[in-house]
Amino acid sequence: MLDAKDNVAVATDALAEGETIAVGDASVAIGEAIPVGHKFATAPIALDAHVYKYGEIIGVAIRPIPVGAHVHVHNVLSARLPGDAAR
């Protein structure tokens, strides 16, 4: 995590389902395999809620995302890529 507003963190190593890792002062139970370099939720993210990384909105959840879940194109609509707003 890079900012206190962030609700995602980036895996610096591949993370296995069931693994528990420290993120700041909290522990996060990983709910599914997370590839290195990919994001995972550090807090629950509701449907249509903003996804924050770097303290900035990077997308909107297109389905509820539980803590420890992989955060990627299957559950987030990008706020940065052209054309995504039309979906």
PDB file of N, CA and C in Angstrom:
ATOM      1  N   MET A   1       0.843  -1.178   0.000  1.00  0.00           N
ATOM      2  CA  MET A   1       0.000   0.000   0.000  1.00  0.00           C
ATOM      3  C   MET A   1       0.880   1.229   0.000  1.00  0.00           C
ATOM      4  N   LEU A   2       0.441   2.228  -0.740  1.00  0.00           N
ATOM      5  CA  LEU A   2       1.252   3.426  -0.875  1.00  0.00           C
ATOM      6  C   LEU A   2       0.635   4.653  -0.220  1.00  0.00           C
ATOM      7  N   ASP A   3      -0.651   4.613   0.099  1.00  0.00           N
ATOM      8  CA  ASP A   3      -1.346   5.760   0.671  1.00  0.00           C
ATOM      9  C   ASP A   3      -2.409   5.262   1.640  1.00  0.00           C
ATOM     10  N   ALA A   4      -2.690   6.045   2.655  1.00  0.00           N
ATOM     11  CA  ALA A   4      -3.680   5.646   3.658  1.00  0.00           C
ATOM     12  C   ALA A   4      -5.077   5.451   3.071  1.00  0.00           C
ATOM     13  N   LYS A   5      -5.401   6.111   1.951  1.00  0.00           N
ATOM     14  CA  LYS A   5      -6.720   5.948   1.320  1.00  0.00           C
ATOM     15  C   LYS A   5      -6.831   4.656   0.522  1.00  0.00           C
ATOM     16  N   ASP A   6      -5.714   4.037   0.180  1.00  0.00           N
ATOM     17  CA  ASP A   6      -5.731   2.857  -0.679  1.00  0.00           C
ATOM     18  C   ASP A   6      -6.558   1.731  -0.070  1.00  0.00           C
ATOM     19  N   ASN A   7      -7.341   1.066  -0.913  1.00  0.00           N
ATOM     20  CA  ASN A   7      -8.067  -0.134  -0.479  1.00  0.00           C
ATOM     21  C   ASN A   7      -7.576  -1.365  -1.232  1.00  0.00           C
ATOM     22  N   VAL A   8      -6.440  -1.208  -1.919  1.00  0.00           N
ATOM     23  CA  VAL A   8      -5.743  -2.321  -2.560  1.00  0.00           C
ATOM     24  C   VAL A   8      -4.256  -2.196  -2.255  1.00  0.00           C
ATOM     25  N   ALA A   9      -3.572  -3.311  -2.358  1.00  0.00           N
ATOM     26  CA  ALA A   9      -2.117  -3.356  -2.263  1.00  0.00           C
ATOM     27  C   ALA A   9      -1.616  -4.199  -3.426  1.00  0.00           C
ATOM     28  N   VAL A  10      -0.342  -4.071  -3.730  1.00  0.00           N
ATOM     29  CA  VAL A  10       0.268  -4.823  -4.832  1.00  0.00           C
ATOM     30  C   VAL A  10       1.125  -5.935  -4.248  1.00  0.00           C
ATOM     31  N   ALA A  11       0.946  -7.138  -4.778  1.00  0.00           N
ATOM     32  CA  ALA A  11       1.739  -8.284  -4.337  1.00  0.00           C
ATOM     33  C   ALA A  11       3.160  -8.161  -4.884  1.00  0.00           C
ATOM     34  N   THR A  12       4.131  -8.089  -3.993  1.00  0.00           N
ATOM     35  CA  THR A  12       5.531  -8.023  -4.423  1.00  0.00           C
ATOM     36  C   THR A  12       6.115  -9.419  -4.620  1.00  0.00           C
ATOM     37  N   ASP A  13       5.377 -10.421  -4.183  1.00  0.00           N
ATOM     38  CA  ASP A  13       5.681 -11.833  -4.427  1.00  0.00           C
ATOM     39  C   ASP A  13       4.357 -12.501  -4.770  1.00  0.00           C
ATOM     40  N   ALA A  14       4.398 -13.635  -5.439  1.00  0.00           N
ATOM     41  CA  ALA A  14       3.168 -14.397  -5.677  1.00  0.00           C
ATOM     42  C   ALA A  14       2.601 -14.813  -4.316  1.00  0.00           C
ATOM     43  N   LEU A  15       1.298 -14.660  -4.158  1.00  0.00           N
ATOM     44  CA  LEU A  15       0.641 -14.999  -2.900  1.00  0.00           C
ATOM     45  C   LEU A  15      -0.284 -16.189  -3.107  1.00  0.00           C
ATOM     46  N   ALA A  16      -0.260 -17.105  -2.169  1.00  0.00           N
ATOM     47  CA  ALA A  16      -1.073 -18.320  -2.263  1.00  0.00           C
ATOM     48  C   ALA A  16      -2.382 -18.146  -1.517  1.00  0.00           C
ATOM     49  N   GLU A  17      -3.425 -18.786  -2.022  1.00  0.00           N
ATOM     50  CA  GLU A  17      -4.711 -18.805  -1.327  1.00  0.00           C
ATOM     51  C   GLU A  17      -4.511 -19.326   0.087  1.00  0.00           C
ATOM     52  N   GLY A  18      -5.106 -18.646   1.067  1.00  0.00           N
ATOM     53  CA  GLY A  18      -5.004 -19.070   2.460  1.00  0.00           C
ATOM     54  C   GLY A  18      -3.839 -18.458   3.207  1.00  0.00           C
ATOM     55  N   GLU A  19      -2.914 -17.853   2.488  1.00  0.00           N
ATOM     56  CA  GLU A  19      -1.770 -17.198   3.122  1.00  0.00           C
ATOM     57  C   GLU A  19      -2.258 -15.937   3.846  1.00  0.00           C
ATOM     58  N   THR A  20      -1.659 -15.628   4.972  1.00  0.00           N
ATOM     59  CA  THR A  20      -1.959 -14.390   5.689  1.00  0.00           C
ATOM     60  C   THR A  20      -0.708 -13.533   5.671  1.00  0.00           C
ATOM     61  N   ILE A  21      -0.881 -12.269   5.244  1.00  0.00           N
ATOM     62  CA  ILE A  21       0.271 -11.375   5.151  1.00  0.00           C
ATOM     63  C   ILE A  21      -0.012 -10.078   5.896  1.00  0.00           C
ATOM     64  N   ALA A  22       1.051  -9.430   6.327  1.00  0.00           N
ATOM     65  CA  ALA A  22       0.946  -8.122   6.976  1.00  0.00           C
ATOM     66  C   ALA A  22       0.911  -7.048   5.902  1.00  0.00           C
ATOM     67  N   VAL A  23      -0.037  -6.129   6.047  1.00  0.00           N
ATOM     68  CA  VAL A  23      -0.128  -4.960   5.172  1.00  0.00           C
ATOM     69  C   VAL A  23      -0.260  -3.769   6.114  1.00  0.00           C
ATOM     70  N   GLY A  24       0.801  -3.029   6.258  1.00  0.00           N
ATOM     71  CA  GLY A  24       0.805  -1.960   7.255  1.00  0.00           C
ATOM     72  C   GLY A  24       0.638  -2.576   8.631  1.00  0.00           C
ATOM     73  N   ASP A  25      -0.327  -2.077   9.395  1.00  0.00           N
ATOM     74  CA  ASP A  25      -0.585  -2.593  10.740  1.00  0.00           C
ATOM     75  C   ASP A  25      -1.625  -3.706  10.754  1.00  0.00           C
ATOM     76  N   ALA A  26      -2.135  -4.077   9.591  1.00  0.00           N
ATOM     77  CA  ALA A  26      -3.203  -5.082   9.506  1.00  0.00           C
ATOM     78  C   ALA A  26      -2.679  -6.393   8.921  1.00  0.00           C
ATOM     79  N   SER A  27      -3.453  -7.438   9.113  1.00  0.00           N
ATOM     80  CA  SER A  27      -3.195  -8.731   8.479  1.00  0.00           C
ATOM     81  C   SER A  27      -4.290  -8.981   7.465  1.00  0.00           C
ATOM     82  N   VAL A  28      -3.917  -9.506   6.305  1.00  0.00           N
ATOM     83  CA  VAL A  28      -4.878  -9.806   5.249  1.00  0.00           C
ATOM     84  C   VAL A  28      -4.774 -11.283   4.915  1.00  0.00           C
ATOM     85  N   ALA A  29      -5.915 -11.989   4.988  1.00  0.00           N
ATOM     86  CA  ALA A  29      -5.982 -13.388   4.562  1.00  0.00           C
ATOM     87  C   ALA A  29      -6.260 -13.391   3.062  1.00  0.00           C
ATOM     88  N   ILE A  30      -5.380 -13.989   2.308  1.00  0.00           N
ATOM     89  CA  ILE A  30      -5.495 -14.023   0.852  1.00  0.00           C
ATOM     90  C   ILE A  30      -6.530 -15.078   0.463  1.00  0.00           C
ATOM     91  N   GLY A  31      -7.544 -14.655  -0.284  1.00  0.00           N
ATOM     92  CA  GLY A  31      -8.662 -15.530  -0.620  1.00  0.00           C
ATOM     93  C   GLY A  31      -8.489 -16.331  -1.888  1.00  0.00           C
ATOM     94  N   GLU A  32      -7.517 -15.967  -2.704  1.00  0.00           N
ATOM     95  CA  GLU A  32      -7.241 -16.686  -3.953  1.00  0.00           C
ATOM     96  C   GLU A  32      -5.813 -16.364  -4.357  1.00  0.00           C
ATOM     97  N   ALA A  33      -5.230 -17.157  -5.238  1.00  0.00           N
ATOM     98  CA  ALA A  33      -3.862 -16.910  -5.671  1.00  0.00           C
ATOM     99  C   ALA A  33      -3.760 -15.524  -6.313  1.00  0.00           C
ATOM    100  N   ILE A  34      -2.733 -14.771  -5.930  1.00  0.00           N
ATOM    101  CA  ILE A  34      -2.495 -13.436  -6.469  1.00  0.00           C
ATOM    102  C   ILE A  34      -1.123 -13.456  -7.142  1.00  0.00           C
ATOM    103  N   PRO A  35      -1.073 -13.243  -8.465  1.00  0.00           N
ATOM    104  CA  PRO A  35       0.216 -13.220  -9.148  1.00  0.00           C
ATOM    105  C   PRO A  35       1.061 -12.018  -8.707  1.00  0.00           C
ATOM    106  N   VAL A  36       2.358 -12.159  -8.770  1.00  0.00           N
ATOM    107  CA  VAL A  36       3.252 -11.047  -8.437  1.00  0.00           C
ATOM    108  C   VAL A  36       2.911  -9.844  -9.319  1.00  0.00           C
ATOM    109  N   GLY A  37       2.882  -8.669  -8.710  1.00  0.00           N
ATOM    110  CA  GLY A  37       2.575  -7.450  -9.442  1.00  0.00           C
ATOM    111  C   GLY A  37       1.096  -7.138  -9.550  1.00  0.00           C
ATOM    112  N   HIS A  38       0.234  -8.049  -9.112  1.00  0.00           N
ATOM    113  CA  HIS A  38      -1.207  -7.822  -9.177  1.00  0.00           C
ATOM    114  C   HIS A  38      -1.720  -7.274  -7.849  1.00  0.00           C
ATOM    115  N   LYS A  39      -2.902  -6.672  -7.908  1.00  0.00           N
ATOM    116  CA  LYS A  39      -3.506  -6.055  -6.731  1.00  0.00           C
ATOM    117  C   LYS A  39      -4.426  -7.034  -6.013  1.00  0.00           C
ATOM    118  N   PHE A  40      -4.559  -6.803  -4.691  1.00  0.00           N
ATOM    119  CA  PHE A  40      -5.540  -7.525  -3.885  1.00  0.00           C
ATOM    120  C   PHE A  40      -6.193  -6.526  -2.937  1.00  0.00           C
ATOM    121  N   ALA A  41      -7.423  -6.825  -2.552  1.00  0.00           N
ATOM    122  CA  ALA A  41      -8.185  -5.925  -1.691  1.00  0.00           C
ATOM    123  C   ALA A  41      -7.691  -6.016  -0.254  1.00  0.00           C
ATOM    124  N   THR A  42      -7.505  -4.853   0.358  1.00  0.00           N
ATOM    125  CA  THR A  42      -7.107  -4.793   1.767  1.00  0.00           C
ATOM    126  C   THR A  42      -8.287  -4.402   2.652  1.00  0.00           C
ATOM    127  N   ALA A  43      -9.396  -4.060   2.030  1.00  0.00           N
ATOM    128  CA  ALA A  43     -10.653  -3.726   2.709  1.00  0.00           C
ATOM    129  C   ALA A  43     -11.769  -4.167   1.781  1.00  0.00           C
ATOM    130  N   PRO A  44     -12.960  -4.419   2.312  1.00  0.00           N
ATOM    131  CA  PRO A  44     -14.066  -4.762   1.414  1.00  0.00           C
ATOM    132  C   PRO A  44     -14.358  -3.590   0.480  1.00  0.00           C
ATOM    133  N   ILE A  45     -14.629  -3.898  -0.780  1.00  0.00           N
ATOM    134  CA  ILE A  45     -14.957  -2.868  -1.774  1.00  0.00           C
ATOM    135  C   ILE A  45     -16.344  -3.220  -2.318  1.00  0.00           C
ATOM    136  N   ALA A  46     -17.294  -2.334  -2.072  1.00  0.00           N
ATOM    137  CA  ALA A  46     -18.679  -2.579  -2.475  1.00  0.00           C
ATOM    138  C   ALA A  46     -18.873  -2.360  -3.973  1.00  0.00           C
ATOM    139  N   LEU A  47     -19.923  -2.944  -4.506  1.00  0.00           N
ATOM    140  CA  LEU A  47     -20.325  -2.702  -5.890  1.00  0.00           C
ATOM    141  C   LEU A  47     -20.427  -1.199  -6.118  1.00  0.00           C
ATOM    142  N   ASP A  48     -19.855  -0.724  -7.203  1.00  0.00           N
ATOM    143  CA  ASP A  48     -19.850   0.689  -7.605  1.00  0.00           C
ATOM    144  C   ASP A  48     -18.973   1.586  -6.733  1.00  0.00           C
ATOM    145  N   ALA A  49     -18.234   1.022  -5.781  1.00  0.00           N
ATOM    146  CA  ALA A  49     -17.328   1.821  -4.951  1.00  0.00           C
ATOM    147  C   ALA A  49     -16.029   2.077  -5.703  1.00  0.00           C
ATOM    148  N   HIS A  50     -15.361   3.149  -5.327  1.00  0.00           N
ATOM    149  CA  HIS A  50     -14.074   3.475  -5.937  1.00  0.00           C
ATOM    150  C   HIS A  50     -12.982   2.537  -5.435  1.00  0.00           C
ATOM    151  N   VAL A  51     -12.060   2.229  -6.335  1.00  0.00           N
ATOM    152  CA  VAL A  51     -10.860   1.469  -5.999  1.00  0.00           C
ATOM    153  C   VAL A  51      -9.722   2.488  -5.954  1.00  0.00           C
ATOM    154  N   TYR A  52      -9.010   2.522  -4.822  1.00  0.00           N
ATOM    155  CA  TYR A  52      -7.942   3.502  -4.621  1.00  0.00           C
ATOM    156  C   TYR A  52      -6.569   2.828  -4.619  1.00  0.00           C
ATOM    157  N   LYS A  53      -5.656   3.420  -5.374  1.00  0.00           N
ATOM    158  CA  LYS A  53      -4.247   3.036  -5.381  1.00  0.00           C
ATOM    159  C   LYS A  53      -3.473   4.336  -5.541  1.00  0.00           C
ATOM    160  N   TYR A  54      -2.357   4.478  -4.846  1.00  0.00           N
ATOM    161  CA  TYR A  54      -1.576   5.736  -4.847  1.00  0.00           C
ATOM    162  C   TYR A  54      -2.392   6.886  -4.264  1.00  0.00           C
ATOM    163  N   GLY A  55      -3.451   6.600  -3.509  1.00  0.00           N
ATOM    164  CA  GLY A  55      -4.316   7.633  -2.983  1.00  0.00           C
ATOM    165  C   GLY A  55      -5.255   8.225  -4.019  1.00  0.00           C
ATOM    166  N   GLU A  56      -5.284   7.624  -5.203  1.00  0.00           N
ATOM    167  CA  GLU A  56      -6.099   8.105  -6.321  1.00  0.00           C
ATOM    168  C   GLU A  56      -7.117   7.043  -6.727  1.00  0.00           C
ATOM    169  N   ILE A  57      -8.212   7.479  -7.301  1.00  0.00           N
ATOM    170  CA  ILE A  57      -9.209   6.537  -7.828  1.00  0.00           C
ATOM    171  C   ILE A  57      -8.657   5.951  -9.121  1.00  0.00           C
ATOM    172  N   ILE A  58      -8.533   4.629  -9.157  1.00  0.00           N
ATOM    173  CA  ILE A  58      -8.052   3.965 -10.374  1.00  0.00           C
ATOM    174  C   ILE A  58      -9.160   3.202 -11.077  1.00  0.00           C
ATOM    175  N   GLY A  59     -10.303   3.043 -10.400  1.00  0.00           N
ATOM    176  CA  GLY A  59     -11.395   2.306 -11.017  1.00  0.00           C
ATOM    177  C   GLY A  59     -12.607   2.254 -10.128  1.00  0.00           C
ATOM    178  N   VAL A  60     -13.607   1.514 -10.608  1.00  0.00           N
ATOM    179  CA  VAL A  60     -14.862   1.319  -9.896  1.00  0.00           C
ATOM    180  C   VAL A  60     -15.155  -0.181  -9.874  1.00  0.00           C
ATOM    181  N   ALA A  61     -15.550  -0.678  -8.715  1.00  0.00           N
ATOM    182  CA  ALA A  61     -15.867  -2.105  -8.586  1.00  0.00           C
ATOM    183  C   ALA A  61     -17.138  -2.433  -9.367  1.00  0.00           C
ATOM    184  N   ILE A  62     -17.063  -3.444 -10.212  1.00  0.00           N
ATOM    185  CA  ILE A  62     -18.236  -3.873 -10.980  1.00  0.00           C
ATOM    186  C   ILE A  62     -18.933  -5.064 -10.316  1.00  0.00           C
ATOM    187  N   ARG A  63     -18.395  -5.477  -9.189  1.00  0.00           N
ATOM    188  CA  ARG A  63     -19.018  -6.477  -8.308  1.00  0.00           C
ATOM    189  C   ARG A  63     -18.383  -6.296  -6.929  1.00  0.00           C
ATOM    190  N   PRO A  64     -19.018  -6.766  -5.878  1.00  0.00           N
ATOM    191  CA  PRO A  64     -18.397  -6.654  -4.554  1.00  0.00           C
ATOM    192  C   PRO A  64     -17.074  -7.418  -4.524  1.00  0.00           C
ATOM    193  N   ILE A  65     -16.085  -6.843  -3.853  1.00  0.00           N
ATOM    194  CA  ILE A  65     -14.760  -7.449  -3.770  1.00  0.00           C
ATOM    195  C   ILE A  65     -14.414  -7.639  -2.293  1.00  0.00           C
ATOM    196  N   PRO A  66     -14.294  -8.878  -1.845  1.00  0.00           N
ATOM    197  CA  PRO A  66     -13.961  -9.104  -0.429  1.00  0.00           C
ATOM    198  C   PRO A  66     -12.473  -8.882  -0.144  1.00  0.00           C
ATOM    199  N   VAL A  67     -12.153  -8.691   1.102  1.00  0.00           N
ATOM    200  CA  VAL A  67     -10.763  -8.568   1.533  1.00  0.00           C
ATOM    201  C   VAL A  67      -9.991  -9.814   1.081  1.00  0.00           C
ATOM    202  N   GLY A  68      -8.811  -9.605   0.544  1.00  0.00           N
ATOM    203  CA  GLY A  68      -7.954 -10.709   0.119  1.00  0.00           C
ATOM    204  C   GLY A  68      -8.201 -11.203  -1.290  1.00  0.00           C
ATOM    205  N   ALA A  69      -9.193 -10.621  -1.975  1.00  0.00           N
ATOM    206  CA  ALA A  69      -9.512 -11.046  -3.345  1.00  0.00           C
ATOM    207  C   ALA A  69      -8.609 -10.355  -4.357  1.00  0.00           C
ATOM    208  N   HIS A  70      -8.389 -11.019  -5.467  1.00  0.00           N
ATOM    209  CA  HIS A  70      -7.650 -10.480  -6.606  1.00  0.00           C
ATOM    210  C   HIS A  70      -8.452  -9.316  -7.177  1.00  0.00           C
ATOM    211  N   VAL A  71      -7.819  -8.183  -7.377  1.00  0.00           N
ATOM    212  CA  VAL A  71      -8.467  -6.996  -7.938  1.00  0.00           C
ATOM    213  C   VAL A  71      -7.871  -6.781  -9.320  1.00  0.00           C
ATOM    214  N   HIS A  72      -8.707  -6.976 -10.346  1.00  0.00           N
ATOM    215  CA  HIS A  72      -8.209  -6.932 -11.721  1.00  0.00           C
ATOM    216  C   HIS A  72      -9.396  -6.628 -12.650  1.00  0.00           C
ATOM    217  N   VAL A  73      -9.214  -6.819 -13.929  1.00  0.00           N
ATOM    218  CA  VAL A  73     -10.224  -6.450 -14.919  1.00  0.00           C
ATOM    219  C   VAL A  73     -11.540  -7.230 -14.776  1.00  0.00           C
ATOM    220  N   HIS A  74     -11.538  -8.356 -14.090  1.00  0.00           N
ATOM    221  CA  HIS A  74     -12.763  -9.137 -13.923  1.00  0.00           C
ATOM    222  C   HIS A  74     -13.707  -8.533 -12.884  1.00  0.00           C
ATOM    223  N   ASN A  75     -13.196  -7.610 -12.052  1.00  0.00           N
ATOM    224  CA  ASN A  75     -14.065  -7.020 -11.030  1.00  0.00           C
ATOM    225  C   ASN A  75     -13.913  -5.506 -10.879  1.00  0.00           C
ATOM    226  N   VAL A  76     -13.117  -4.881 -11.759  1.00  0.00           N
ATOM    227  CA  VAL A  76     -12.926  -3.427 -11.720  1.00  0.00           C
ATOM    228  C   VAL A  76     -12.993  -2.857 -13.127  1.00  0.00           C
ATOM    229  N   LEU A  77     -13.709  -1.757 -13.248  1.00  0.00           N
ATOM    230  CA  LEU A  77     -13.752  -0.982 -14.476  1.00  0.00           C
ATOM    231  C   LEU A  77     -12.760   0.154 -14.307  1.00  0.00           C
ATOM    232  N   SER A  78     -11.796   0.245 -15.186  1.00  0.00           N
ATOM    233  CA  SER A  78     -10.747   1.250 -15.064  1.00  0.00           C
ATOM    234  C   SER A  78     -11.302   2.660 -15.162  1.00  0.00           C
ATOM    235  N   ALA A  79     -10.753   3.539 -14.350  1.00  0.00           N
ATOM    236  CA  ALA A  79     -11.088   4.959 -14.424  1.00  0.00           C
ATOM    237  C   ALA A  79     -10.046   5.701 -15.258  1.00  0.00           C
ATOM    238  N   ARG A  80      -9.077   4.973 -15.786  1.00  0.00           N
ATOM    239  CA  ARG A  80      -7.956   5.593 -16.475  1.00  0.00           C
ATOM    240  C   ARG A  80      -7.833   5.237 -17.948  1.00  0.00           C
ATOM    241  N   LEU A  81      -8.387   4.110 -18.343  1.00  0.00           N
ATOM    242  CA  LEU A  81      -8.216   3.676 -19.734  1.00  0.00           C
ATOM    243  C   LEU A  81      -9.351   4.228 -20.594  1.00  0.00           C
ATOM    244  N   PRO A  82      -9.027   4.770 -21.769  1.00  0.00           N
ATOM    245  CA  PRO A  82     -10.088   5.283 -22.633  1.00  0.00           C
ATOM    246  C   PRO A  82     -11.027   4.165 -23.070  1.00  0.00           C
ATOM    247  N   GLY A  83     -12.284   4.509 -23.151  1.00  0.00           N
ATOM    248  CA  GLY A  83     -13.278   3.546 -23.619  1.00  0.00           C
ATOM    249  C   GLY A  83     -13.951   2.778 -22.505  1.00  0.00           C
ATOM    250  N   ASP A  84     -13.324   2.641 -21.344  1.00  0.00           N
ATOM    251  CA  ASP A  84     -13.942   1.891 -20.263  1.00  0.00           C
ATOM    252  C   ASP A  84     -15.209   2.537 -19.754  1.00  0.00           C
ATOM    253  N   ALA A  85     -15.289   3.845 -19.787  1.00  0.00           N
ATOM    254  CA  ALA A  85     -16.479   4.539 -19.286  1.00  0.00           C
ATOM    255  C   ALA A  85     -17.725   4.193 -20.110  1.00  0.00           C
ATOM    256  N   ALA A  86     -17.537   3.762 -21.342  1.00  0.00           N
ATOM    257  CA  ALA A  86     -18.653   3.427 -22.219  1.00  0.00           C
ATOM    258  C   ALA A  86     -19.238   2.055 -21.926  1.00  0.00           C
ATOM    259  N   ARG A  87     -18.544   1.225 -21.149  1.00  0.00           N
ATOM    260  CA  ARG A  87     -19.030  -0.119 -20.858  1.00  0.00           C
ATOM    261  C   ARG A  87     -20.227  -0.108 -19.971  1.00  0.00           C
TER     262      ARG A  87
END
